[in-house]
Amino acid sequence: MKVSVDLDLTPEELRRLFGLPDLTPIQALVVERITRQVEKGMDSNLLAGITRSIITGGVQSWEAYQKLLAGILNVSKSSDTKKDPAADSTD
């Protein structure tokens, strides 16, 4: 049997569905501080480094989340494929 579910969610609703924290205040603070540093004349290499670390961290977090889900699905799938030997007996 194949079941398909379509969800029409906003990013906020999806975040809540997965139980992820709302990082909007932190993001606003980081953007504000970077903006102030750029206005003061921050070194472009520093900005590139910050951007690179943010992107890398986000990708690593997403990969870890995917591995977690894959592990959960694999455990579920393997438990579904195991058969109970007593159920197969026709005695």
N, C-alpha and C. Protein backbone atom coordinates (compact mmCIF):
# COMPACT_ATOMS: atom_id res chain seq x y z
N MET A 1 0.85 -1.17 0.00
CA MET A 1 0.00 0.00 0.00
C MET A 1 0.90 1.23 0.00
N LYS A 2 0.52 2.20 -0.76
CA LYS A 2 1.26 3.45 -0.83
C LYS A 2 0.32 4.58 -0.44
N VAL A 3 0.78 5.39 0.50
CA VAL A 3 -0.01 6.52 0.97
C VAL A 3 0.74 7.80 0.68
N SER A 4 0.06 8.77 0.16
CA SER A 4 0.67 10.05 -0.16
C SER A 4 -0.10 11.15 0.56
N VAL A 5 0.64 12.05 1.19
CA VAL A 5 0.01 13.16 1.90
C VAL A 5 0.63 14.46 1.41
N ASP A 6 -0.20 15.40 1.02
CA ASP A 6 0.26 16.72 0.60
C ASP A 6 -0.09 17.71 1.71
N LEU A 7 0.91 18.47 2.13
CA LEU A 7 0.71 19.48 3.15
C LEU A 7 0.98 20.85 2.57
N ASP A 8 0.11 21.78 2.83
CA ASP A 8 0.28 23.15 2.40
C ASP A 8 0.58 23.97 3.65
N LEU A 9 1.89 24.12 3.96
CA LEU A 9 2.31 24.78 5.19
C LEU A 9 3.21 25.96 4.90
N THR A 10 3.12 26.94 5.76
CA THR A 10 4.07 28.05 5.70
C THR A 10 5.36 27.57 6.39
N PRO A 11 6.47 28.26 6.18
CA PRO A 11 7.70 27.88 6.88
C PRO A 11 7.51 27.88 8.40
N GLU A 12 6.75 28.81 8.93
CA GLU A 12 6.49 28.88 10.37
C GLU A 12 5.72 27.64 10.84
N GLU A 13 4.71 27.24 10.08
CA GLU A 13 3.93 26.06 10.44
C GLU A 13 4.76 24.79 10.37
N LEU A 14 5.64 24.69 9.37
CA LEU A 14 6.51 23.54 9.23
C LEU A 14 7.50 23.46 10.39
N ARG A 15 8.05 24.61 10.79
CA ARG A 15 8.97 24.67 11.92
C ARG A 15 8.28 24.16 13.18
N ARG A 16 7.07 24.60 13.40
CA ARG A 16 6.31 24.16 14.58
C ARG A 16 5.96 22.68 14.50
N LEU A 17 5.63 22.20 13.30
CA LEU A 17 5.30 20.78 13.11
C LEU A 17 6.46 19.89 13.54
N PHE A 18 7.68 20.27 13.19
CA PHE A 18 8.86 19.50 13.55
C PHE A 18 9.38 19.83 14.94
N GLY A 19 8.76 20.79 15.61
CA GLY A 19 9.17 21.13 16.97
C GLY A 19 10.48 21.89 17.03
N LEU A 20 10.81 22.60 15.96
CA LEU A 20 12.05 23.36 15.92
C LEU A 20 11.86 24.72 16.60
N PRO A 21 12.90 25.24 17.22
CA PRO A 21 12.77 26.53 17.91
C PRO A 21 12.67 27.69 16.93
N ASP A 22 12.05 28.76 17.38
CA ASP A 22 11.95 29.98 16.57
C ASP A 22 13.22 30.79 16.79
N LEU A 23 14.06 30.85 15.76
CA LEU A 23 15.34 31.54 15.85
C LEU A 23 15.29 32.94 15.25
N THR A 24 14.10 33.45 14.98
CA THR A 24 13.96 34.77 14.38
C THR A 24 14.63 35.86 15.20
N PRO A 25 14.47 35.90 16.53
CA PRO A 25 15.14 36.96 17.30
C PRO A 25 16.67 36.86 17.21
N ILE A 26 17.19 35.65 17.23
CA ILE A 26 18.65 35.47 17.13
C ILE A 26 19.14 35.91 15.76
N GLN A 27 18.40 35.52 14.73
CA GLN A 27 18.78 35.91 13.37
C GLN A 27 18.77 37.43 13.22
N ALA A 28 17.76 38.08 13.76
CA ALA A 28 17.68 39.54 13.68
C ALA A 28 18.87 40.18 14.40
N LEU A 29 19.25 39.64 15.56
CA LEU A 29 20.39 40.16 16.30
C LEU A 29 21.69 40.00 15.51
N VAL A 30 21.90 38.83 14.93
CA VAL A 30 23.11 38.58 14.14
C VAL A 30 23.18 39.52 12.94
N VAL A 31 22.06 39.65 12.24
CA VAL A 31 22.02 40.54 11.07
C VAL A 31 22.30 41.98 11.48
N GLU A 32 21.73 42.39 12.61
CA GLU A 32 21.96 43.76 13.09
C GLU A 32 23.44 43.99 13.40
N ARG A 33 24.07 43.04 14.09
CA ARG A 33 25.48 43.19 14.44
C ARG A 33 26.38 43.17 13.21
N ILE A 34 26.09 42.31 12.26
CA ILE A 34 26.89 42.26 11.03
C ILE A 34 26.72 43.57 10.28
N THR A 35 25.49 44.09 10.22
CA THR A 35 25.23 45.35 9.53
C THR A 35 26.03 46.48 10.17
N ARG A 36 26.05 46.53 11.51
CA ARG A 36 26.83 47.56 12.19
C ARG A 36 28.32 47.44 11.87
N GLN A 37 28.83 46.22 11.85
CA GLN A 37 30.24 46.02 11.55
C GLN A 37 30.57 46.42 10.11
N VAL A 38 29.68 46.10 9.19
CA VAL A 38 29.90 46.47 7.78
C VAL A 38 29.90 47.99 7.64
N GLU A 39 28.97 48.65 8.35
CA GLU A 39 28.92 50.11 8.29
C GLU A 39 30.18 50.73 8.87
N LYS A 40 30.79 50.07 9.88
CA LYS A 40 32.03 50.57 10.46
C LYS A 40 33.24 50.27 9.60
N GLY A 41 33.06 49.43 8.60
CA GLY A 41 34.18 49.10 7.71
C GLY A 41 34.82 47.76 8.04
N MET A 42 34.01 46.77 8.27
CA MET A 42 34.52 45.44 8.58
C MET A 42 35.29 44.87 7.39
N ASP A 43 36.34 44.14 7.70
CA ASP A 43 37.15 43.48 6.68
C ASP A 43 36.27 42.50 5.89
N SER A 44 36.35 42.55 4.57
CA SER A 44 35.51 41.68 3.74
C SER A 44 35.84 40.20 3.95
N ASN A 45 37.08 39.88 4.30
CA ASN A 45 37.45 38.49 4.57
C ASN A 45 36.73 37.97 5.81
N LEU A 46 36.56 38.84 6.80
CA LEU A 46 35.84 38.44 8.01
C LEU A 46 34.38 38.15 7.70
N LEU A 47 33.76 39.00 6.88
CA LEU A 47 32.37 38.79 6.49
C LEU A 47 32.24 37.48 5.71
N ALA A 48 33.17 37.21 4.82
CA ALA A 48 33.14 35.95 4.06
C ALA A 48 33.28 34.75 5.00
N GLY A 49 34.13 34.87 6.00
CA GLY A 49 34.31 33.79 6.97
C GLY A 49 33.06 33.53 7.77
N ILE A 50 32.41 34.60 8.20
CA ILE A 50 31.16 34.46 8.96
C ILE A 50 30.10 33.79 8.10
N THR A 51 29.96 34.26 6.88
CA THR A 51 28.97 33.69 5.96
C THR A 51 29.25 32.21 5.72
N ARG A 52 30.50 31.88 5.48
CA ARG A 52 30.89 30.49 5.22
C ARG A 52 30.56 29.61 6.44
N SER A 53 30.85 30.08 7.64
CA SER A 53 30.57 29.27 8.84
C SER A 53 29.07 29.09 9.06
N ILE A 54 28.29 30.12 8.76
CA ILE A 54 26.84 30.01 8.91
C ILE A 54 26.29 28.98 7.93
N ILE A 55 26.73 29.05 6.69
CA ILE A 55 26.24 28.12 5.66
C ILE A 55 26.68 26.70 5.99
N THR A 56 27.94 26.53 6.37
CA THR A 56 28.45 25.20 6.69
C THR A 56 27.70 24.61 7.88
N GLY A 57 27.49 25.41 8.91
CA GLY A 57 26.75 24.94 10.08
C GLY A 57 25.33 24.54 9.73
N GLY A 58 24.69 25.31 8.88
CA GLY A 58 23.33 24.99 8.47
C GLY A 58 23.25 23.70 7.69
N VAL A 59 24.22 23.50 6.79
CA VAL A 59 24.26 22.27 5.99
C VAL A 59 24.51 21.07 6.90
N GLN A 60 25.45 21.20 7.84
CA GLN A 60 25.75 20.10 8.75
C GLN A 60 24.54 19.77 9.62
N SER A 61 23.83 20.77 10.07
CA SER A 61 22.63 20.53 10.88
C SER A 61 21.57 19.79 10.06
N TRP A 62 21.40 20.21 8.83
CA TRP A 62 20.41 19.57 7.97
C TRP A 62 20.80 18.12 7.69
N GLU A 63 22.09 17.87 7.44
CA GLU A 63 22.56 16.51 7.20
C GLU A 63 22.34 15.64 8.43
N ALA A 64 22.60 16.18 9.61
CA ALA A 64 22.38 15.42 10.85
C ALA A 64 20.91 15.10 11.01
N TYR A 65 20.04 16.04 10.68
CA TYR A 65 18.60 15.81 10.79
C TYR A 65 18.15 14.73 9.80
N GLN A 66 18.71 14.76 8.57
CA GLN A 66 18.37 13.74 7.59
C GLN A 66 18.83 12.36 8.05
N LYS A 67 20.02 12.28 8.65
CA LYS A 67 20.51 11.00 9.16
C LYS A 67 19.61 10.49 10.28
N LEU A 68 19.16 11.39 11.14
CA LEU A 68 18.26 11.01 12.22
C LEU A 68 16.97 10.42 11.65
N LEU A 69 16.37 11.11 10.68
CA LEU A 69 15.14 10.61 10.08
C LEU A 69 15.37 9.29 9.36
N ALA A 70 16.48 9.17 8.64
CA ALA A 70 16.78 7.93 7.93
C ALA A 70 16.95 6.78 8.92
N GLY A 71 17.59 7.04 10.05
CA GLY A 71 17.75 6.01 11.07
C GLY A 71 16.41 5.58 11.63
N ILE A 72 15.53 6.52 11.87
CA ILE A 72 14.20 6.20 12.39
C ILE A 72 13.43 5.38 11.36
N LEU A 73 13.50 5.80 10.09
CA LEU A 73 12.77 5.08 9.05
C LEU A 73 13.35 3.69 8.83
N ASN A 74 14.67 3.54 8.91
CA ASN A 74 15.29 2.23 8.73
C ASN A 74 14.91 1.29 9.85
N VAL A 75 14.86 1.78 11.06
CA VAL A 75 14.46 0.95 12.20
C VAL A 75 13.02 0.49 12.02
N SER A 76 12.17 1.42 11.61
CA SER A 76 10.77 1.10 11.39
C SER A 76 10.63 0.09 10.26
N LYS A 77 11.37 0.29 9.18
CA LYS A 77 11.30 -0.59 8.03
C LYS A 77 11.80 -1.99 8.38
N SER A 78 12.91 -2.07 9.14
CA SER A 78 13.46 -3.37 9.49
C SER A 78 12.53 -4.11 10.45
N SER A 79 11.84 -3.40 11.33
CA SER A 79 10.91 -4.08 12.23
C SER A 79 9.67 -4.56 11.49
N ASP A 80 9.30 -3.89 10.39
CA ASP A 80 8.16 -4.31 9.58
C ASP A 80 8.50 -5.56 8.78
N THR A 81 9.75 -5.72 8.37
CA THR A 81 10.14 -6.85 7.52
C THR A 81 10.44 -8.10 8.31
N LYS A 82 10.67 -7.97 9.62
CA LYS A 82 10.89 -9.15 10.46
C LYS A 82 9.58 -9.89 10.63
N LYS A 83 9.64 -11.19 10.42
CA LYS A 83 8.44 -11.99 10.56
C LYS A 83 8.48 -12.76 11.86
N ASP A 84 7.33 -12.98 12.42
CA ASP A 84 7.20 -13.78 13.62
C ASP A 84 7.10 -15.24 13.19
N PRO A 85 8.08 -16.10 13.55
CA PRO A 85 8.05 -17.51 13.12
C PRO A 85 6.80 -18.23 13.58
N ALA A 86 6.25 -17.87 14.71
CA ALA A 86 5.03 -18.53 15.20
C ALA A 86 3.84 -18.23 14.30
N ALA A 87 3.84 -17.07 13.68
CA ALA A 87 2.72 -16.69 12.81
C ALA A 87 2.74 -17.48 11.50
N ASP A 88 3.91 -17.99 11.08
CA ASP A 88 4.02 -18.73 9.83
C ASP A 88 3.65 -20.19 9.98
N SER A 89 3.58 -20.69 11.19
CA SER A 89 3.30 -22.12 11.37
C SER A 89 1.85 -22.40 11.01
N THR A 90 1.63 -23.52 10.33
CA THR A 90 0.29 -23.88 9.89
C THR A 90 -0.21 -25.10 10.64
N ASP A 91 0.35 -25.37 11.82
CA ASP A 91 -0.06 -26.53 12.61
C ASP A 91 -1.44 -26.38 13.15
